[in-house]
PDB file of N, CA and C in Angstrom:
ATOM      1  N   MET A   1      26.723  12.436  45.118  1.00  0.00           N
ATOM      2  CA  MET A   1      27.602  12.496  43.973  1.00  0.00           C
ATOM      3  C   MET A   1      27.536  11.153  43.231  1.00  0.00           C
ATOM      4  N   LYS A   2      27.390  11.196  41.915  1.00  0.00           N
ATOM      5  CA  LYS A   2      27.316   9.971  41.116  1.00  0.00           C
ATOM      6  C   LYS A   2      28.709   9.442  40.839  1.00  0.00           C
ATOM      7  N   LYS A   3      28.839   8.114  40.882  1.00  0.00           N
ATOM      8  CA  LYS A   3      30.116   7.493  40.551  1.00  0.00           C
ATOM      9  C   LYS A   3      30.216   7.301  39.050  1.00  0.00           C
ATOM     10  N   LYS A   4      31.433   7.362  38.566  1.00  0.00           N
ATOM     11  CA  LYS A   4      31.657   7.137  37.146  1.00  0.00           C
ATOM     12  C   LYS A   4      31.294   5.701  36.799  1.00  0.00           C
ATOM     13  N   LYS A   5      30.949   5.484  35.540  1.00  0.00           N
ATOM     14  CA  LYS A   5      30.552   4.160  35.075  1.00  0.00           C
ATOM     15  C   LYS A   5      31.677   3.144  35.293  1.00  0.00           C
ATOM     16  N   THR A   6      32.939   3.561  35.061  1.00  0.00           N
ATOM     17  CA  THR A   6      34.061   2.639  35.237  1.00  0.00           C
ATOM     18  C   THR A   6      34.243   2.274  36.706  1.00  0.00           C
ATOM     19  N   GLU A   7      33.947   3.224  37.611  1.00  0.00           N
ATOM     20  CA  GLU A   7      34.072   2.938  39.028  1.00  0.00           C
ATOM     21  C   GLU A   7      33.015   1.932  39.492  1.00  0.00           C
ATOM     22  N   LEU A   8      31.842   1.964  38.878  1.00  0.00           N
ATOM     23  CA  LEU A   8      30.782   1.044  39.267  1.00  0.00           C
ATOM     24  C   LEU A   8      31.125  -0.397  38.902  1.00  0.00           C
ATOM     25  N   ASN A   9      31.817  -0.585  37.764  1.00  0.00           N
ATOM     26  CA  ASN A   9      32.160  -1.919  37.299  1.00  0.00           C
ATOM     27  C   ASN A   9      33.521  -2.393  37.781  1.00  0.00           C
ATOM     28  N   ALA A  10      34.273  -1.543  38.458  1.00  0.00           N
ATOM     29  CA  ALA A  10      35.614  -1.897  38.910  1.00  0.00           C
ATOM     30  C   ALA A  10      35.522  -2.949  40.012  1.00  0.00           C
ATOM     31  N   PRO A  11      36.435  -3.938  39.970  1.00  0.00           N
ATOM     32  CA  PRO A  11      36.407  -4.957  41.018  1.00  0.00           C
ATOM     33  C   PRO A  11      36.814  -4.367  42.364  1.00  0.00           C
ATOM     34  N   LYS A  12      36.305  -4.929  43.418  1.00  0.00           N
ATOM     35  CA  LYS A  12      36.651  -4.483  44.765  1.00  0.00           C
ATOM     36  C   LYS A  12      37.811  -5.346  45.252  1.00  0.00           C
ATOM     37  N   TYR A  13      38.937  -4.713  45.485  1.00  0.00           N
ATOM     38  CA  TYR A  13      40.114  -5.439  45.955  1.00  0.00           C
ATOM     39  C   TYR A  13      40.054  -5.521  47.469  1.00  0.00           C
ATOM     40  N   THR A  14      39.912  -6.744  47.967  1.00  0.00           N
ATOM     41  CA  THR A  14      39.768  -6.927  49.408  1.00  0.00           C
ATOM     42  C   THR A  14      40.921  -7.702  50.028  1.00  0.00           C
ATOM     43  N   SER A  15      41.684  -8.421  49.230  1.00  0.00           N
ATOM     44  CA  SER A  15      42.803  -9.200  49.760  1.00  0.00           C
ATOM     45  C   SER A  15      44.115  -8.488  49.480  1.00  0.00           C
ATOM     46  N   ARG A  16      45.081  -8.776  50.337  1.00  0.00           N
ATOM     47  CA  ARG A  16      46.408  -8.197  50.172  1.00  0.00           C
ATOM     48  C   ARG A  16      47.438  -9.296  50.028  1.00  0.00           C
ATOM     49  N   LEU A  17      48.463  -8.962  49.276  1.00  0.00           N
ATOM     50  CA  LEU A  17      49.603  -9.858  49.114  1.00  0.00           C
ATOM     51  C   LEU A  17      50.841  -9.013  49.393  1.00  0.00           C
ATOM     52  N   ILE A  18      51.592  -9.420  50.389  1.00  0.00           N
ATOM     53  CA  ILE A  18      52.795  -8.672  50.732  1.00  0.00           C
ATOM     54  C   ILE A  18      53.987  -9.423  50.145  1.00  0.00           C
ATOM     55  N   VAL A  19      54.798  -8.685  49.394  1.00  0.00           N
ATOM     56  CA  VAL A  19      55.935  -9.282  48.703  1.00  0.00           C
ATOM     57  C   VAL A  19      57.190  -8.511  49.065  1.00  0.00           C
ATOM     58  N   ARG A  20      58.239  -9.232  49.332  1.00  0.00           N
ATOM     59  CA  ARG A  20      59.527  -8.583  49.594  1.00  0.00           C
ATOM     60  C   ARG A  20      60.268  -8.438  48.273  1.00  0.00           C
ATOM     61  N   LEU A  21      60.804  -7.259  48.053  1.00  0.00           N
ATOM     62  CA  LEU A  21      61.527  -6.957  46.825  1.00  0.00           C
ATOM     63  C   LEU A  21      62.862  -6.320  47.163  1.00  0.00           C
ATOM     64  N   THR A  22      63.797  -6.466  46.253  1.00  0.00           N
ATOM     65  CA  THR A  22      65.040  -5.711  46.400  1.00  0.00           C
ATOM     66  C   THR A  22      64.718  -4.256  46.061  1.00  0.00           C
ATOM     67  N   SER A  23      65.549  -3.358  46.522  1.00  0.00           N
ATOM     68  CA  SER A  23      65.294  -1.946  46.235  1.00  0.00           C
ATOM     69  C   SER A  23      65.361  -1.686  44.731  1.00  0.00           C
ATOM     70  N   GLN A  24      66.247  -2.412  44.043  1.00  0.00           N
ATOM     71  CA  GLN A  24      66.367  -2.243  42.586  1.00  0.00           C
ATOM     72  C   GLN A  24      65.087  -2.691  41.880  1.00  0.00           C
ATOM     73  N   LEU A  25      64.553  -3.854  42.258  1.00  0.00           N
ATOM     74  CA  LEU A  25      63.327  -4.356  41.632  1.00  0.00           C
ATOM     75  C   LEU A  25      62.141  -3.441  41.941  1.00  0.00           C
ATOM     76  N   HIS A  26      62.074  -2.949  43.176  1.00  0.00           N
ATOM     77  CA  HIS A  26      60.996  -2.036  43.548  1.00  0.00           C
ATOM     78  C   HIS A  26      61.072  -0.762  42.714  1.00  0.00           C
ATOM     79  N   LYS A  27      62.279  -0.246  42.545  1.00  0.00           N
ATOM     80  CA  LYS A  27      62.479   0.961  41.742  1.00  0.00           C
ATOM     81  C   LYS A  27      62.049   0.724  40.295  1.00  0.00           C
ATOM     82  N   GLU A  28      62.399  -0.433  39.725  1.00  0.00           N
ATOM     83  CA  GLU A  28      62.012  -0.770  38.344  1.00  0.00           C
ATOM     84  C   GLU A  28      60.499  -0.832  38.192  1.00  0.00           C
ATOM     85  N   ILE A  29      59.829  -1.474  39.144  1.00  0.00           N
ATOM     86  CA  ILE A  29      58.372  -1.577  39.091  1.00  0.00           C
ATOM     87  C   ILE A  29      57.744  -0.184  39.154  1.00  0.00           C
ATOM     88  N   GLU A  30      58.239   0.662  40.034  1.00  0.00           N
ATOM     89  CA  GLU A  30      57.726   2.031  40.139  1.00  0.00           C
ATOM     90  C   GLU A  30      57.927   2.785  38.825  1.00  0.00           C
ATOM     91  N   GLU A  31      59.093   2.615  38.201  1.00  0.00           N
ATOM     92  CA  GLU A  31      59.374   3.307  36.933  1.00  0.00           C
ATOM     93  C   GLU A  31      58.461   2.820  35.823  1.00  0.00           C
ATOM     94  N   TYR A  32      58.315   1.498  35.682  1.00  0.00           N
ATOM     95  CA  TYR A  32      57.436   0.946  34.647  1.00  0.00           C
ATOM     96  C   TYR A  32      55.998   1.398  34.865  1.00  0.00           C
ATOM     97  N   ALA A  33      55.566   1.394  36.117  1.00  0.00           N
ATOM     98  CA  ALA A  33      54.198   1.808  36.437  1.00  0.00           C
ATOM     99  C   ALA A  33      53.977   3.267  36.047  1.00  0.00           C
ATOM    100  N   SER A  34      54.932   4.121  36.372  1.00  0.00           N
ATOM    101  CA  SER A  34      54.757   5.543  36.047  1.00  0.00           C
ATOM    102  C   SER A  34      54.775   5.771  34.537  1.00  0.00           C
ATOM    103  N   LEU A  35      55.580   4.991  33.798  1.00  0.00           N
ATOM    104  CA  LEU A  35      55.581   5.107  32.336  1.00  0.00           C
ATOM    105  C   LEU A  35      54.215   4.757  31.750  1.00  0.00           C
ATOM    106  N   CYS A  36      53.502   3.848  32.416  1.00  0.00           N
ATOM    107  CA  CYS A  36      52.190   3.414  31.945  1.00  0.00           C
ATOM    108  C   CYS A  36      51.061   4.247  32.549  1.00  0.00           C
ATOM    109  N   GLY A  37      51.406   5.163  33.438  1.00  0.00           N
ATOM    110  CA  GLY A  37      50.383   5.994  34.068  1.00  0.00           C
ATOM    111  C   GLY A  37      49.595   5.233  35.116  1.00  0.00           C
ATOM    112  N   LEU A  38      50.223   4.245  35.741  1.00  0.00           N
ATOM    113  CA  LEU A  38      49.558   3.418  36.746  1.00  0.00           C
ATOM    114  C   LEU A  38      50.284   3.518  38.079  1.00  0.00           C
ATOM    115  N   THR A  39      49.579   3.131  39.138  1.00  0.00           N
ATOM    116  CA  THR A  39      50.249   2.983  40.423  1.00  0.00           C
ATOM    117  C   THR A  39      51.022   1.673  40.389  1.00  0.00           C
ATOM    118  N   ALA A  40      51.935   1.514  41.320  1.00  0.00           N
ATOM    119  CA  ALA A  40      52.711   0.266  41.378  1.00  0.00           C
ATOM    120  C   ALA A  40      51.777  -0.931  41.600  1.00  0.00           C
ATOM    121  N   SER A  41      50.768  -0.752  42.436  1.00  0.00           N
ATOM    122  CA  SER A  41      49.820  -1.838  42.706  1.00  0.00           C
ATOM    123  C   SER A  41      49.020  -2.210  41.459  1.00  0.00           C
ATOM    124  N   ALA A  42      48.525  -1.199  40.770  1.00  0.00           N
ATOM    125  CA  ALA A  42      47.743  -1.465  39.556  1.00  0.00           C
ATOM    126  C   ALA A  42      48.611  -2.130  38.499  1.00  0.00           C
ATOM    127  N   TYR A  43      49.860  -1.669  38.383  1.00  0.00           N
ATOM    128  CA  TYR A  43      50.778  -2.271  37.421  1.00  0.00           C
ATOM    129  C   TYR A  43      51.034  -3.738  37.776  1.00  0.00           C
ATOM    130  N   ALA A  44      51.284  -4.016  39.051  1.00  0.00           N
ATOM    131  CA  ALA A  44      51.552  -5.383  39.491  1.00  0.00           C
ATOM    132  C   ALA A  44      50.337  -6.283  39.255  1.00  0.00           C
ATOM    133  N   ARG A  45      49.128  -5.769  39.535  1.00  0.00           N
ATOM    134  CA  ARG A  45      47.918  -6.564  39.297  1.00  0.00           C
ATOM    135  C   ARG A  45      47.790  -6.943  37.824  1.00  0.00           C
ATOM    136  N   LYS A  46      48.011  -5.971  36.951  1.00  0.00           N
ATOM    137  CA  LYS A  46      47.911  -6.254  35.510  1.00  0.00           C
ATOM    138  C   LYS A  46      48.938  -7.292  35.086  1.00  0.00           C
ATOM    139  N   ARG A  47      50.160  -7.168  35.580  1.00  0.00           N
ATOM    140  CA  ARG A  47      51.202  -8.131  35.217  1.00  0.00           C
ATOM    141  C   ARG A  47      50.850  -9.522  35.758  1.00  0.00           C
ATOM    142  N   LEU A  48      50.273  -9.596  36.948  1.00  0.00           N
ATOM    143  CA  LEU A  48      49.877 -10.890  37.508  1.00  0.00           C
ATOM    144  C   LEU A  48      48.721 -11.508  36.726  1.00  0.00           C
ATOM    145  N   GLU A  49      47.919 -10.674  36.088  1.00  0.00           N
ATOM    146  CA  GLU A  49      46.832 -11.161  35.235  1.00  0.00           C
ATOM    147  C   GLU A  49      47.341 -11.590  33.868  1.00  0.00           C
ATOM    148  N   GLY A  50      48.641 -11.447  33.635  1.00  0.00           N
ATOM    149  CA  GLY A  50      49.224 -11.832  32.352  1.00  0.00           C
ATOM    150  C   GLY A  50      49.122 -10.753  31.297  1.00  0.00           C
ATOM    151  N   LYS A  51      48.780  -9.547  31.713  1.00  0.00           N
ATOM    152  CA  LYS A  51      48.660  -8.434  30.776  1.00  0.00           C
ATOM    153  C   LYS A  51      49.964  -7.639  30.750  1.00  0.00           C
ATOM    154  N   TYR A  52      50.160  -6.935  29.663  1.00  0.00           N
ATOM    155  CA  TYR A  52      51.344  -6.100  29.504  1.00  0.00           C
ATOM    156  C   TYR A  52      50.890  -4.651  29.316  1.00  0.00           C
ATOM    157  N   PRO A  53      50.852  -3.879  30.400  1.00  0.00           N
ATOM    158  CA  PRO A  53      50.410  -2.486  30.273  1.00  0.00           C
ATOM    159  C   PRO A  53      51.301  -1.724  29.290  1.00  0.00           C
ATOM    160  N   LYS A  54      50.680  -0.859  28.516  1.00  0.00           N
ATOM    161  CA  LYS A  54      51.417  -0.103  27.507  1.00  0.00           C
ATOM    162  C   LYS A  54      51.858   1.239  28.070  1.00  0.00           C
ATOM    163  N   GLN A  55      52.999   1.676  27.584  1.00  0.00           N
ATOM    164  CA  GLN A  55      53.499   2.978  27.990  1.00  0.00           C
ATOM    165  C   GLN A  55      52.617   4.071  27.411  1.00  0.00           C
ATOM    166  N   ARG A  56      52.487   5.132  28.150  1.00  0.00           N
ATOM    167  CA  ARG A  56      51.773   6.292  27.640  1.00  0.00           C
ATOM    168  C   ARG A  56      52.651   6.984  26.624  1.00  0.00           C
ATOM    169  N   LEU A  57      52.009   7.619  25.664  1.00  0.00           N
ATOM    170  CA  LEU A  57      52.766   8.353  24.666  1.00  0.00           C
ATOM    171  C   LEU A  57      53.314   9.646  25.261  1.00  0.00           C
ATOM    172  N   THR A  58      54.522   9.992  24.846  1.00  0.00           N
ATOM    173  CA  THR A  58      55.077  11.273  25.259  1.00  0.00           C
ATOM    174  C   THR A  58      54.361  12.374  24.489  1.00  0.00           C
ATOM    175  N   ASP A  59      54.544  13.609  24.922  1.00  0.00           N
ATOM    176  CA  ASP A  59      53.925  14.740  24.216  1.00  0.00           C
ATOM    177  C   ASP A  59      54.397  14.786  22.769  1.00  0.00           C
ATOM    178  N   LYS A  60      55.671  14.499  22.570  1.00  0.00           N
ATOM    179  CA  LYS A  60      56.255  14.495  21.230  1.00  0.00           C
ATOM    180  C   LYS A  60      55.594  13.425  20.356  1.00  0.00           C
ATOM    181  N   GLU A  61      55.421  12.227  20.920  1.00  0.00           N
ATOM    182  CA  GLU A  61      54.787  11.133  20.180  1.00  0.00           C
ATOM    183  C   GLU A  61      53.312  11.428  19.918  1.00  0.00           C
ATOM    184  N   MET A  62      52.639  12.045  20.881  1.00  0.00           N
ATOM    185  CA  MET A  62      51.226  12.370  20.723  1.00  0.00           C
ATOM    186  C   MET A  62      51.044  13.408  19.626  1.00  0.00           C
ATOM    187  N   GLU A  63      51.926  14.393  19.577  1.00  0.00           N
ATOM    188  CA  GLU A  63      51.860  15.416  18.527  1.00  0.00           C
ATOM    189  C   GLU A  63      52.080  14.775  17.156  1.00  0.00           C
ATOM    190  N   ALA A  64      53.045  13.853  17.074  1.00  0.00           N
ATOM    191  CA  ALA A  64      53.317  13.165  15.810  1.00  0.00           C
ATOM    192  C   ALA A  64      52.122  12.315  15.397  1.00  0.00           C
ATOM    193  N   LEU A  65      51.514  11.622  16.348  1.00  0.00           N
ATOM    194  CA  LEU A  65      50.354  10.792  16.050  1.00  0.00           C
ATOM    195  C   LEU A  65      49.190  11.641  15.531  1.00  0.00           C
ATOM    196  N   ASN A  66      48.973  12.780  16.155  1.00  0.00           N
ATOM    197  CA  ASN A  66      47.904  13.679  15.701  1.00  0.00           C
ATOM    198  C   ASN A  66      48.176  14.193  14.293  1.00  0.00           C
ATOM    199  N   SER A  67      49.433  14.503  14.030  1.00  0.00           N
ATOM    200  CA  SER A  67      49.789  14.995  12.702  1.00  0.00           C
ATOM    201  C   SER A  67      49.605  13.895  11.654  1.00  0.00           C
ATOM    202  N   LEU A  68      49.972  12.666  12.006  1.00  0.00           N
ATOM    203  CA  LEU A  68      49.753  11.541  11.086  1.00  0.00           C
ATOM    204  C   LEU A  68      48.265  11.330  10.830  1.00  0.00           C
ATOM    205  N   SER A  69      47.477  11.497  11.860  1.00  0.00           N
ATOM    206  CA  SER A  69      46.031  11.355  11.715  1.00  0.00           C
ATOM    207  C   SER A  69      45.482  12.416  10.759  1.00  0.00           C
ATOM    208  N   ASP A  70      45.998  13.638  10.875  1.00  0.00           N
ATOM    209  CA  ASP A  70      45.590  14.704   9.954  1.00  0.00           C
ATOM    210  C   ASP A  70      45.977  14.362   8.523  1.00  0.00           C
ATOM    211  N   ALA A  71      47.209  13.852   8.350  1.00  0.00           N
ATOM    212  CA  ALA A  71      47.677  13.489   7.008  1.00  0.00           C
ATOM    213  C   ALA A  71      46.811  12.377   6.428  1.00  0.00           C
ATOM    214  N   ARG A  72      46.449  11.418   7.252  1.00  0.00           N
ATOM    215  CA  ARG A  72      45.580  10.321   6.799  1.00  0.00           C
ATOM    216  C   ARG A  72      44.236  10.868   6.330  1.00  0.00           C
ATOM    217  N   GLY A  73      43.703  11.825   7.080  1.00  0.00           N
ATOM    218  CA  GLY A  73      42.439  12.445   6.689  1.00  0.00           C
ATOM    219  C   GLY A  73      42.547  13.159   5.350  1.00  0.00           C
ATOM    220  N   ASP A  74      43.683  13.835   5.134  1.00  0.00           N
ATOM    221  CA  ASP A  74      43.888  14.519   3.858  1.00  0.00           C
ATOM    222  C   ASP A  74      43.927  13.529   2.704  1.00  0.00           C
ATOM    223  N   ILE A  75      44.615  12.414   2.921  1.00  0.00           N
ATOM    224  CA  ILE A  75      44.698  11.390   1.872  1.00  0.00           C
ATOM    225  C   ILE A  75      43.314  10.817   1.580  1.00  0.00           C
ATOM    226  N   GLN A  76      42.541  10.567   2.628  1.00  0.00           N
ATOM    227  CA  GLN A  76      41.193  10.031   2.436  1.00  0.00           C
ATOM    228  C   GLN A  76      40.309  11.011   1.667  1.00  0.00           C
ATOM    229  N   LYS A  77      40.477  12.288   1.928  1.00  0.00           N
ATOM    230  CA  LYS A  77      39.695  13.292   1.192  1.00  0.00           C
ATOM    231  C   LYS A  77      40.042  13.269  -0.293  1.00  0.00           C
ATOM    232  N   LEU A  78      41.335  13.146  -0.581  1.00  0.00           N
ATOM    233  CA  LEU A  78      41.762  13.110  -1.981  1.00  0.00           C
ATOM    234  C   LEU A  78      41.155  11.911  -2.713  1.00  0.00           C
ATOM    235  N   PHE A  79      41.238  10.749  -2.082  1.00  0.00           N
ATOM    236  CA  PHE A  79      40.698   9.550  -2.730  1.00  0.00           C
ATOM    237  C   PHE A  79      39.175   9.548  -2.722  1.00  0.00           C
ATOM    238  N   GLY A  80      38.576  10.070  -1.670  1.00  0.00           N
ATOM    239  CA  GLY A  80      37.122  10.128  -1.592  1.00  0.00           C
ATOM    240  C   GLY A  80      36.531  11.019  -2.663  1.00  0.00           C
ATOM    241  N   PHE A  81      37.248  12.075  -3.014  1.00  0.00           N
ATOM    242  CA  PHE A  81      36.789  12.981  -4.059  1.00  0.00           C
ATOM    243  C   PHE A  81      36.607  12.238  -5.371  1.00  0.00           C
ATOM    244  N   LEU A  82      37.581  11.413  -5.713  1.00  0.00           N
ATOM    245  CA  LEU A  82      37.510  10.681  -6.981  1.00  0.00           C
ATOM    246  C   LEU A  82      36.575   9.472  -6.908  1.00  0.00           C
ATOM    247  N   LYS A  83      36.553   8.817  -5.773  1.00  0.00           N
ATOM    248  CA  LYS A  83      35.779   7.583  -5.648  1.00  0.00           C
ATOM    249  C   LYS A  83      34.286   7.794  -5.911  1.00  0.00           C
ATOM    250  N   GLY A  84      33.767   8.947  -5.533  1.00  0.00           N
ATOM    251  CA  GLY A  84      32.340   9.209  -5.692  1.00  0.00           C
ATOM    252  C   GLY A  84      31.936   9.620  -7.103  1.00  0.00           C
ATOM    253  N   ARG A  85      32.888   9.709  -7.982  1.00  0.00           N
ATOM    254  CA  ARG A  85      32.607  10.152  -9.343  1.00  0.00           C
ATOM    255  C   ARG A  85      32.473   8.954 -10.288  1.00  0.00           C
ATOM    256  N   PRO A  86      31.661   9.082 -11.324  1.00  0.00           N
ATOM    257  CA  PRO A  86      31.582   8.015 -12.334  1.00  0.00           C
ATOM    258  C   PRO A  86      32.933   7.892 -13.058  1.00  0.00           C
ATOM    259  N   LEU A  87      33.176   6.724 -13.632  1.00  0.00           N
ATOM    260  CA  LEU A  87      34.453   6.431 -14.271  1.00  0.00           C
ATOM    261  C   LEU A  87      34.799   7.460 -15.347  1.00  0.00           C
ATOM    262  N   SER A  88      33.857   7.813 -16.182  1.00  0.00           N
ATOM    263  CA  SER A  88      34.141   8.768 -17.255  1.00  0.00           C
ATOM    264  C   SER A  88      34.539  10.134 -16.682  1.00  0.00           C
ATOM    265  N   GLU A  89      33.872  10.546 -15.613  1.00  0.00           N
ATOM    266  CA  GLU A  89      34.211  11.828 -14.989  1.00  0.00           C
ATOM    267  C   GLU A  89      35.592  11.764 -14.340  1.00  0.00           C
ATOM    268  N   ARG A  90      35.909  10.617 -13.696  1.00  0.00           N
ATOM    269  CA  ARG A  90      37.237  10.438 -13.107  1.00  0.00           C
ATOM    270  C   ARG A  90      38.327  10.559 -14.164  1.00  0.00           C
ATOM    271  N   GLU A  91      38.092   9.924 -15.305  1.00  0.00           N
ATOM    272  CA  GLU A  91      39.076   9.998 -16.393  1.00  0.00           C
ATOM    273  C   GLU A  91      39.287  11.435 -16.833  1.00  0.00           C
ATOM    274  N   ASN A  92      38.201  12.188 -16.985  1.00  0.00           N
ATOM    275  CA  ASN A  92      38.306  13.600 -17.382  1.00  0.00           C
ATOM    276  C   ASN A  92      39.049  14.420 -16.321  1.00  0.00           C
ATOM    277  N   ILE A  93      38.739  14.147 -15.069  1.00  0.00           N
ATOM    278  CA  ILE A  93      39.401  14.877 -13.981  1.00  0.00           C
ATOM    279  C   ILE A  93      40.896  14.581 -13.990  1.00  0.00           C
ATOM    280  N   LEU A  94      41.255  13.299 -14.116  1.00  0.00           N
ATOM    281  CA  LEU A  94      42.667  12.920 -14.077  1.00  0.00           C
ATOM    282  C   LEU A  94      43.430  13.417 -15.311  1.00  0.00           C
ATOM    283  N   ARG A  95      42.730  13.673 -16.379  1.00  0.00           N
ATOM    284  CA  ARG A  95      43.373  14.233 -17.571  1.00  0.00           C
ATOM    285  C   ARG A  95      43.564  15.745 -17.455  1.00  0.00           C
ATOM    286  N   SER A  96      42.890  16.357 -16.506  1.00  0.00           N
ATOM    287  CA  SER A  96      42.964  17.807 -16.323  1.00  0.00           C
ATOM    288  C   SER A  96      44.321  18.189 -15.730  1.00  0.00           C
ATOM    289  N   GLU A  97      45.013  19.058 -16.428  1.00  0.00           N
ATOM    290  CA  GLU A  97      46.332  19.498 -15.971  1.00  0.00           C
ATOM    291  C   GLU A  97      46.227  20.270 -14.660  1.00  0.00           C
ATOM    292  N   ILE A  98      45.192  21.081 -14.525  1.00  0.00           N
ATOM    293  CA  ILE A  98      45.006  21.891 -13.314  1.00  0.00           C
ATOM    294  C   ILE A  98      44.787  20.982 -12.098  1.00  0.00           C
ATOM    295  N   PHE A  99      43.888  19.989 -12.240  1.00  0.00           N
ATOM    296  CA  PHE A  99      43.609  19.079 -11.132  1.00  0.00           C
ATOM    297  C   PHE A  99      44.862  18.296 -10.750  1.00  0.00           C
ATOM    298  N   MET A 100      45.584  17.793 -11.731  1.00  0.00           N
ATOM    299  CA  MET A 100      46.770  16.984 -11.453  1.00  0.00           C
ATOM    300  C   MET A 100      47.853  17.824 -10.774  1.00  0.00           C
ATOM    301  N   ARG A 101      47.969  19.094 -11.132  1.00  0.00           N
ATOM    302  CA  ARG A 101      48.939  19.973 -10.489  1.00  0.00           C
ATOM    303  C   ARG A 101      48.557  20.148  -9.017  1.00  0.00           C
ATOM    304  N   GLN A 102      47.263  20.397  -8.761  1.00  0.00           N
ATOM    305  CA  GLN A 102      46.794  20.556  -7.383  1.00  0.00           C
ATOM    306  C   GLN A 102      46.949  19.251  -6.599  1.00  0.00           C
ATOM    307  N   TRP A 103      46.650  18.133  -7.245  1.00  0.00           N
ATOM    308  CA  TRP A 103      46.795  16.817  -6.620  1.00  0.00           C
ATOM    309  C   TRP A 103      48.252  16.592  -6.219  1.00  0.00           C
ATOM    310  N   ARG A 104      49.166  16.906  -7.143  1.00  0.00           N
ATOM    311  CA  ARG A 104      50.594  16.703  -6.877  1.00  0.00           C
ATOM    312  C   ARG A 104      51.055  17.588  -5.720  1.00  0.00           C
ATOM    313  N   LEU A 105      50.626  18.843  -5.702  1.00  0.00           N
ATOM    314  CA  LEU A 105      51.003  19.756  -4.623  1.00  0.00           C
ATOM    315  C   LEU A 105      50.464  19.265  -3.275  1.00  0.00           C
ATOM    316  N   SER A 106      49.239  18.785  -3.264  1.00  0.00           N
ATOM    317  CA  SER A 106      48.649  18.257  -2.026  1.00  0.00           C
ATOM    318  C   SER A 106      49.389  17.019  -1.553  1.00  0.00           C
ATOM    319  N   ALA A 107      49.683  16.120  -2.488  1.00  0.00           N
ATOM    320  CA  ALA A 107      50.401  14.891  -2.135  1.00  0.00           C
ATOM    321  C   ALA A 107      51.805  15.215  -1.623  1.00  0.00           C
ATOM    322  N   GLU A 108      52.467  16.172  -2.237  1.00  0.00           N
ATOM    323  CA  GLU A 108      53.797  16.585  -1.786  1.00  0.00           C
ATOM    324  C   GLU A 108      53.738  17.149  -0.372  1.00  0.00           C
ATOM    325  N   ALA A 109      52.722  17.957  -0.106  1.00  0.00           N
ATOM    326  CA  ALA A 109      52.575  18.542   1.231  1.00  0.00           C
ATOM    327  C   ALA A 109      52.383  17.446   2.278  1.00  0.00           C
ATOM    328  N   ILE A 110      51.574  16.446   1.961  1.00  0.00           N
ATOM    329  CA  ILE A 110      51.340  15.339   2.894  1.00  0.00           C
ATOM    330  C   ILE A 110      52.626  14.553   3.106  1.00  0.00           C
ATOM    331  N   LEU A 111      53.322  14.224   2.027  1.00  0.00           N
ATOM    332  CA  LEU A 111      54.579  13.474   2.146  1.00  0.00           C
ATOM    333  C   LEU A 111      55.623  14.267   2.931  1.00  0.00           C
ATOM    334  N   ASN A 112      55.725  15.556   2.675  1.00  0.00           N
ATOM    335  CA  ASN A 112      56.676  16.382   3.422  1.00  0.00           C
ATOM    336  C   ASN A 112      56.337  16.407   4.908  1.00  0.00           C
ATOM    337  N   ARG A 113      55.034  16.480   5.224  1.00  0.00           N
ATOM    338  CA  ARG A 113      54.620  16.453   6.624  1.00  0.00           C
ATOM    339  C   ARG A 113      55.003  15.131   7.269  1.00  0.00           C
ATOM    340  N   MET A 114      54.825  14.029   6.540  1.00  0.00           N
ATOM    341  CA  MET A 114      55.172  12.720   7.089  1.00  0.00           C
ATOM    342  C   MET A 114      56.690  12.604   7.296  1.00  0.00           C
ATOM    343  N   ILE A 115      57.473  13.154   6.399  1.00  0.00           N
ATOM    344  CA  ILE A 115      58.933  13.147   6.556  1.00  0.00           C
ATOM    345  C   ILE A 115      59.336  13.970   7.779  1.00  0.00           C
ATOM    346  N   GLU A 116      58.689  15.124   7.973  1.00  0.00           N
ATOM    347  CA  GLU A 116      58.966  15.956   9.143  1.00  0.00           C
ATOM    348  C   GLU A 116      58.625  15.208  10.427  1.00  0.00           C
ATOM    349  N   ILE A 117      57.514  14.490  10.423  1.00  0.00           N
ATOM    350  CA  ILE A 117      57.102  13.722  11.606  1.00  0.00           C
ATOM    351  C   ILE A 117      58.145  12.668  11.916  1.00  0.00           C
ATOM    352  N   GLU A 118      58.600  11.966  10.893  1.00  0.00           N
ATOM    353  CA  GLU A 118      59.620  10.928  11.099  1.00  0.00           C
ATOM    354  C   GLU A 118      60.889  11.530  11.686  1.00  0.00           C
ATOM    355  N   LYS A 119      61.333  12.660  11.155  1.00  0.00           N
ATOM    356  CA  LYS A 119      62.528  13.323  11.691  1.00  0.00           C
ATOM    357  C   LYS A 119      62.303  13.770  13.118  1.00  0.00           C
ATOM    358  N   TYR A 120      61.097  14.290  13.382  1.00  0.00           N
ATOM    359  CA  TYR A 120      60.767  14.790  14.725  1.00  0.00           C
ATOM    360  C   TYR A 120      60.796  13.676  15.760  1.00  0.00           C
ATOM    361  N   ILE A 121      60.275  12.505  15.375  1.00  0.00           N
ATOM    362  CA  ILE A 121      60.234  11.380  16.303  1.00  0.00           C
ATOM    363  C   ILE A 121      61.623  10.806  16.544  1.00  0.00           C
ATOM    364  N   THR A 122      62.447  10.745  15.504  1.00  0.00           N
ATOM    365  CA  THR A 122      63.758  10.104  15.635  1.00  0.00           C
ATOM    366  C   THR A 122      64.821  11.017  16.230  1.00  0.00           C
ATOM    367  N   GLN A 123      64.520  12.293  16.446  1.00  0.00           N
ATOM    368  CA  GLN A 123      65.508  13.205  17.047  1.00  0.00           C
ATOM    369  C   GLN A 123      65.681  12.935  18.510  1.00  0.00           C
TER     370      GLN A 123
END
């Protein structure tokens, strides 16, 4: 069986450090580690290295992040459409009532989605 690339480069931990903790401190370390998706040992090693492990996103936060990413893509498409056009063509497009109506509807949809995401996260 082949080992994963990350496993091949992972350091080999051969030494142990035994530390006495209060039950409260041990519980806190376990909670922080689980929030970051790490074992207590891995969390402690990172903290001893001066690193601050980040919490994993909740399902709610991940859904909001994905939705924001979609909205960003929509905005990029809108601007990319105009950016590739010569200046005179852009002016004609922006003067078009039909295009501006569609642009406004698209922008409203994106803004409404972003407002929904904000409400969803803050609930």
